[in-house]
Amino acid sequence: MPVRRCGSAGPWPAGTIRHSGPSSQHWLAGRVATRPKPRRRRLRCDGFTLIELMIVMALIVVLASIGLYVQANSQTRAREAVLKEDLFRMRDAIDQYYADKNMYPASLDALVTDKYLRAIPVDPFTNSAETWQTTMSELDPGNPSAQPGIYDVKSGSDRTSMDGTQYSSW
C-alpha cells in the first residue's frame, strides 16, 4: 500500500502519514520517526527587484518616445493644414481680383488694400508674411497694355512636407 506524505494542506497536521489505499480512513498513530525539517526563514519581499525597475523604466522611455513622435507629427500636420488653407484663400482672392478687374494684382498688398484679404497670412513654416514666393503672370496677347501681375503664390519655406514634396511646390 503506497504511503503519501501530506503537507500543510488538508485537515491533518503537517508531517502526518496517510494511507492512500482502500482503508484510507485509518491514520497511523503518531508521526514517522524522521528528523524534523529545519524551518527556513522566509525573506520578506516588500520591494521590487532591480530588473523589474529597469524593465518598467525601459517601457516608460519607449512610450514617451512614441508620444513625442506623435506629438511632433501632429504639429507638422497642423502647420501643413494651415499652409494649404492660406494658399487656397490667397489663390481664391487672386482669382476674384482677376475676375473683377480683368488683371492680376501687382502685389499681395493690393489684395489687402482692395479688401480681397483682411491681411496677408503668415507662412506657418517661415513665421513671416514677407516670405511668400509669387509667380508673375505672362503678358496677355489680347491686352498688350496690361501689366503683368501676381498669378500664383507659394510658400517661401525650403522644408520638405510629410509626403516628401517641397512646401515651395504646393
C-alpha atoms as a PDB file:
ATOM      1  CA  MET A   1       0.000   0.000   0.000  1.00  0.00           C
ATOM      2  CA  PRO A   2       1.589   3.311  -1.018  1.00  0.00           C
ATOM      3  CA  VAL A   3       2.179   5.917   1.624  1.00  0.00           C
ATOM      4  CA  ARG A   4       1.804   9.603   0.863  1.00  0.00           C
ATOM      5  CA  ARG A   5       3.325  12.382   2.938  1.00  0.00           C
ATOM      6  CA  CYS A   6       0.907  15.258   3.403  1.00  0.00           C
ATOM      7  CA  GLY A   7       1.959  18.856   3.616  1.00  0.00           C
ATOM      8  CA  SER A   8       0.072  21.572   5.326  1.00  0.00           C
ATOM      9  CA  ALA A   9      -2.931  21.118   3.058  1.00  0.00           C
ATOM     10  CA  GLY A  10      -5.927  19.293   4.454  1.00  0.00           C
ATOM     11  CA  PRO A  11      -7.329  18.811   7.932  1.00  0.00           C
ATOM     12  CA  TRP A  12      -4.413  16.716   9.234  1.00  0.00           C
ATOM     13  CA  PRO A  13      -1.327  18.216  10.753  1.00  0.00           C
ATOM     14  CA  ALA A  14       1.727  18.715   8.603  1.00  0.00           C
ATOM     15  CA  GLY A  15       4.072  15.743   8.562  1.00  0.00           C
ATOM     16  CA  THR A  16       1.493  13.026   9.210  1.00  0.00           C
ATOM     17  CA  ILE A  17       1.333   9.986   7.017  1.00  0.00           C
ATOM     18  CA  ARG A  18      -1.858   8.923   5.375  1.00  0.00           C
ATOM     19  CA  HIS A  19      -2.511   5.671   3.627  1.00  0.00           C
ATOM     20  CA  SER A  20      -3.886   6.140   0.161  1.00  0.00           C
ATOM     21  CA  GLY A  21      -5.373   2.721  -0.263  1.00  0.00           C
ATOM     22  CA  PRO A  22      -8.838   1.318   0.282  1.00  0.00           C
ATOM     23  CA  SER A  23      -8.580   1.848   4.012  1.00  0.00           C
ATOM     24  CA  SER A  24      -7.643   5.484   3.729  1.00  0.00           C
ATOM     25  CA  GLN A  25      -9.759   6.355   6.742  1.00  0.00           C
ATOM     26  CA  HIS A  26      -7.231   4.848   9.145  1.00  0.00           C
ATOM     27  CA  TRP A  27      -4.450   7.025  10.439  1.00  0.00           C
ATOM     28  CA  LEU A  28      -1.119   5.868  11.603  1.00  0.00           C
ATOM     29  CA  ALA A  29      -0.694   6.595  15.189  1.00  0.00           C
ATOM     30  CA  GLY A  30       1.787   9.391  15.564  1.00  0.00           C
ATOM     31  CA  ARG A  31       4.465  10.679  13.360  1.00  0.00           C
ATOM     32  CA  VAL A  32       7.031   8.787  11.381  1.00  0.00           C
ATOM     33  CA  ALA A  33      10.349   8.572  13.116  1.00  0.00           C
ATOM     34  CA  THR A  34      12.163  11.023  10.934  1.00  0.00           C
ATOM     35  CA  ARG A  35      14.198  14.033  11.729  1.00  0.00           C
ATOM     36  CA  PRO A  36      12.129  17.216  11.658  1.00  0.00           C
ATOM     37  CA  LYS A  37      12.986  19.543   8.839  1.00  0.00           C
ATOM     38  CA  PRO A  38      14.631  22.756   9.894  1.00  0.00           C
ATOM     39  CA  ARG A  39      12.389  25.743   9.430  1.00  0.00           C
ATOM     40  CA  ARG A  40      13.501  28.143   6.752  1.00  0.00           C
ATOM     41  CA  ARG A  41      13.318  31.779   7.466  1.00  0.00           C
ATOM     42  CA  ARG A  42      11.219  33.394   4.846  1.00  0.00           C
ATOM     43  CA  LEU A  43      12.706  36.536   3.377  1.00  0.00           C
ATOM     44  CA  ARG A  44      10.424  39.497   3.130  1.00  0.00           C
ATOM     45  CA  CYS A  45       9.734  40.623  -0.417  1.00  0.00           C
ATOM     46  CA  ASP A  46       8.384  44.109   0.105  1.00  0.00           C
ATOM     47  CA  GLY A  47      10.126  45.917  -2.786  1.00  0.00           C
ATOM     48  CA  PHE A  48      10.870  45.486  -6.459  1.00  0.00           C
ATOM     49  CA  THR A  49      13.979  43.925  -7.896  1.00  0.00           C
ATOM     50  CA  LEU A  50      16.400  45.926  -9.981  1.00  0.00           C
ATOM     51  CA  ILE A  51      15.470  44.067 -13.177  1.00  0.00           C
ATOM     52  CA  GLU A  52      11.774  44.830 -12.631  1.00  0.00           C
ATOM     53  CA  LEU A  53      12.556  48.520 -12.208  1.00  0.00           C
ATOM     54  CA  MET A  54      14.760  48.505 -15.320  1.00  0.00           C
ATOM     55  CA  ILE A  55      12.012  46.885 -17.409  1.00  0.00           C
ATOM     56  CA  VAL A  56       9.448  49.421 -16.207  1.00  0.00           C
ATOM     57  CA  MET A  57      11.803  52.314 -16.951  1.00  0.00           C
ATOM     58  CA  ALA A  58      12.508  50.934 -20.437  1.00  0.00           C
ATOM     59  CA  LEU A  59       8.771  50.707 -21.144  1.00  0.00           C
ATOM     60  CA  ILE A  60       8.242  54.267 -19.937  1.00  0.00           C
ATOM     61  CA  VAL A  61      11.038  55.521 -22.208  1.00  0.00           C
ATOM     62  CA  VAL A  62       9.587  53.677 -25.226  1.00  0.00           C
ATOM     63  CA  LEU A  63       6.090  55.031 -24.583  1.00  0.00           C
ATOM     64  CA  ALA A  64       7.388  58.566 -24.036  1.00  0.00           C
ATOM     65  CA  SER A  65       9.366  58.495 -27.276  1.00  0.00           C
ATOM     66  CA  ILE A  66       6.307  57.276 -29.187  1.00  0.00           C
ATOM     67  CA  GLY A  67       4.280  60.087 -27.612  1.00  0.00           C
ATOM     68  CA  LEU A  68       6.830  62.719 -28.590  1.00  0.00           C
ATOM     69  CA  TYR A  69       6.946  61.411 -32.165  1.00  0.00           C
ATOM     70  CA  VAL A  70       3.154  61.502 -32.472  1.00  0.00           C
ATOM     71  CA  GLN A  71       3.012  64.986 -30.948  1.00  0.00           C
ATOM     72  CA  ALA A  72       5.670  66.329 -33.334  1.00  0.00           C
ATOM     73  CA  ASN A  73       3.875  64.814 -36.315  1.00  0.00           C
ATOM     74  CA  SER A  74       0.560  66.300 -35.238  1.00  0.00           C
ATOM     75  CA  GLN A  75       2.129  69.777 -35.060  1.00  0.00           C
ATOM     76  CA  THR A  76       3.586  69.348 -38.546  1.00  0.00           C
ATOM     77  CA  ARG A  77       0.245  68.119 -39.885  1.00  0.00           C
ATOM     78  CA  ALA A  78      -1.485  71.133 -38.345  1.00  0.00           C
ATOM     79  CA  ARG A  79       1.016  73.542 -39.941  1.00  0.00           C
ATOM     80  CA  GLU A  80       0.561  71.812 -43.290  1.00  0.00           C
ATOM     81  CA  ALA A  81      -3.215  72.195 -42.984  1.00  0.00           C
ATOM     82  CA  VAL A  82      -2.812  75.906 -42.198  1.00  0.00           C
ATOM     83  CA  LEU A  83      -0.479  76.345 -45.186  1.00  0.00           C
ATOM     84  CA  LYS A  84      -2.932  74.617 -47.536  1.00  0.00           C
ATOM     85  CA  GLU A  85      -5.768  76.794 -46.268  1.00  0.00           C
ATOM     86  CA  ASP A  86      -3.718  80.005 -46.584  1.00  0.00           C
ATOM     87  CA  LEU A  87      -2.638  79.137 -50.123  1.00  0.00           C
ATOM     88  CA  PHE A  88      -6.231  78.314 -51.081  1.00  0.00           C
ATOM     89  CA  ARG A  89      -7.530  81.620 -49.672  1.00  0.00           C
ATOM     90  CA  MET A  90      -4.824  83.738 -51.349  1.00  0.00           C
ATOM     91  CA  ARG A  91      -5.246  81.972 -54.705  1.00  0.00           C
ATOM     92  CA  ASP A  92      -9.008  82.404 -54.433  1.00  0.00           C
ATOM     93  CA  ALA A  93      -8.529  86.126 -53.703  1.00  0.00           C
ATOM     94  CA  ILE A  94      -6.204  86.443 -56.740  1.00  0.00           C
ATOM     95  CA  ASP A  95      -8.847  84.772 -58.932  1.00  0.00           C
ATOM     96  CA  GLN A  96     -11.595  87.061 -57.604  1.00  0.00           C
ATOM     97  CA  TYR A  97      -9.368  90.092 -58.182  1.00  0.00           C
ATOM     98  CA  TYR A  98      -8.778  88.980 -61.783  1.00  0.00           C
ATOM     99  CA  ALA A  99     -12.491  88.312 -62.331  1.00  0.00           C
ATOM    100  CA  ASP A 100     -13.422  91.774 -61.017  1.00  0.00           C
ATOM    101  CA  LYS A 101     -10.667  93.890 -62.607  1.00  0.00           C
ATOM    102  CA  ASN A 102      -9.593  91.774 -65.595  1.00  0.00           C
ATOM    103  CA  MET A 103      -5.974  91.970 -64.437  1.00  0.00           C
ATOM    104  CA  TYR A 104      -3.830  90.312 -61.797  1.00  0.00           C
ATOM    105  CA  PRO A 105      -2.791  92.235 -58.674  1.00  0.00           C
ATOM    106  CA  ALA A 106       0.613  93.924 -58.782  1.00  0.00           C
ATOM    107  CA  SER A 107       1.448  92.686 -55.276  1.00  0.00           C
ATOM    108  CA  LEU A 108      -0.106  90.802 -52.379  1.00  0.00           C
ATOM    109  CA  ASP A 109      -0.625  94.130 -50.646  1.00  0.00           C
ATOM    110  CA  ALA A 110      -3.041  95.097 -53.453  1.00  0.00           C
ATOM    111  CA  LEU A 111      -5.292  92.246 -52.300  1.00  0.00           C
ATOM    112  CA  VAL A 112      -5.368  93.767 -48.821  1.00  0.00           C
ATOM    113  CA  THR A 113      -5.879  97.383 -49.919  1.00  0.00           C
ATOM    114  CA  ASP A 114      -8.708  96.369 -52.268  1.00  0.00           C
ATOM    115  CA  LYS A 115     -10.334  94.309 -49.463  1.00  0.00           C
ATOM    116  CA  TYR A 116      -9.939  90.886 -51.052  1.00  0.00           C
ATOM    117  CA  LEU A 117      -7.982  89.783 -47.964  1.00  0.00           C
ATOM    118  CA  ARG A 118      -8.057  91.209 -44.447  1.00  0.00           C
ATOM    119  CA  ALA A 119      -4.320  90.683 -44.073  1.00  0.00           C
ATOM    120  CA  ILE A 120      -1.582  88.745 -45.750  1.00  0.00           C
ATOM    121  CA  PRO A 121      -1.400  85.465 -43.836  1.00  0.00           C
ATOM    122  CA  VAL A 122       1.767  84.384 -42.074  1.00  0.00           C
ATOM    123  CA  ASP A 123       3.540  81.405 -43.614  1.00  0.00           C
ATOM    124  CA  PRO A 124       3.371  78.750 -40.856  1.00  0.00           C
ATOM    125  CA  PHE A 125       6.812  77.347 -41.693  1.00  0.00           C
ATOM    126  CA  THR A 126       8.762  80.602 -42.042  1.00  0.00           C
ATOM    127  CA  ASN A 127       6.676  82.550 -39.487  1.00  0.00           C
ATOM    128  CA  SER A 128       6.664  85.591 -41.765  1.00  0.00           C
ATOM    129  CA  ALA A 129       4.178  87.242 -44.110  1.00  0.00           C
ATOM    130  CA  GLU A 130       7.039  88.546 -46.279  1.00  0.00           C
ATOM    131  CA  THR A 131       8.410  85.193 -47.480  1.00  0.00           C
ATOM    132  CA  TRP A 132       5.634  84.214 -49.874  1.00  0.00           C
ATOM    133  CA  GLN A 133       7.004  83.412 -53.334  1.00  0.00           C
ATOM    134  CA  THR A 134       4.894  84.932 -56.081  1.00  0.00           C
ATOM    135  CA  THR A 135       4.639  83.846 -59.699  1.00  0.00           C
ATOM    136  CA  MET A 136       4.094  86.643 -62.174  1.00  0.00           C
ATOM    137  CA  SER A 137       1.607  86.218 -64.999  1.00  0.00           C
ATOM    138  CA  GLU A 138       2.614  86.251 -68.628  1.00  0.00           C
ATOM    139  CA  LEU A 139       1.705  89.145 -70.855  1.00  0.00           C
ATOM    140  CA  ASP A 140      -1.756  88.815 -72.324  1.00  0.00           C
ATOM    141  CA  PRO A 141      -1.522  88.930 -76.114  1.00  0.00           C
ATOM    142  CA  GLY A 142      -5.139  90.108 -76.288  1.00  0.00           C
ATOM    143  CA  ASN A 143      -4.385  93.026 -73.939  1.00  0.00           C
ATOM    144  CA  PRO A 144      -0.795  94.215 -74.517  1.00  0.00           C
ATOM    145  CA  SER A 145      -1.241  97.315 -72.363  1.00  0.00           C
ATOM    146  CA  ALA A 146      -1.991  95.234 -69.237  1.00  0.00           C
ATOM    147  CA  GLN A 147       0.865  94.947 -66.820  1.00  0.00           C
ATOM    148  CA  PRO A 148       1.832  91.530 -65.526  1.00  0.00           C
ATOM    149  CA  GLY A 149       0.676  90.785 -62.028  1.00  0.00           C
ATOM    150  CA  ILE A 150       0.749  88.001 -59.479  1.00  0.00           C
ATOM    151  CA  TYR A 151      -0.682  84.855 -60.973  1.00  0.00           C
ATOM    152  CA  ASP A 152       0.161  82.373 -58.198  1.00  0.00           C
ATOM    153  CA  VAL A 153       1.615  82.301 -54.698  1.00  0.00           C
ATOM    154  CA  LYS A 154       3.691  79.602 -52.961  1.00  0.00           C
ATOM    155  CA  SER A 155       5.377  79.106 -49.628  1.00  0.00           C
ATOM    156  CA  GLY A 156       8.859  80.513 -49.140  1.00  0.00           C
ATOM    157  CA  SER A 157       9.910  77.566 -46.979  1.00  0.00           C
ATOM    158  CA  ASP A 158      12.670  75.245 -48.153  1.00  0.00           C
ATOM    159  CA  ARG A 159      11.475  72.402 -45.941  1.00  0.00           C
ATOM    160  CA  THR A 160      10.021  69.095 -47.096  1.00  0.00           C
ATOM    161  CA  SER A 161       6.480  68.041 -46.256  1.00  0.00           C
ATOM    162  CA  MET A 162       5.455  64.753 -44.673  1.00  0.00           C
ATOM    163  CA  ASP A 163       4.531  63.368 -48.086  1.00  0.00           C
ATOM    164  CA  GLY A 164       8.030  64.111 -49.433  1.00  0.00           C
ATOM    165  CA  THR A 165       7.307  67.201 -51.553  1.00  0.00           C
ATOM    166  CA  GLN A 166       8.723  70.683 -51.013  1.00  0.00           C
ATOM    167  CA  TYR A 167       6.366  73.209 -49.436  1.00  0.00           C
ATOM    168  CA  SER A 168       7.515  75.674 -52.078  1.00  0.00           C
ATOM    169  CA  SER A 169       5.954  73.455 -54.772  1.00  0.00           C
ATOM    170  CA  TRP A 170       2.443  73.436 -53.281  1.00  0.00           C
END
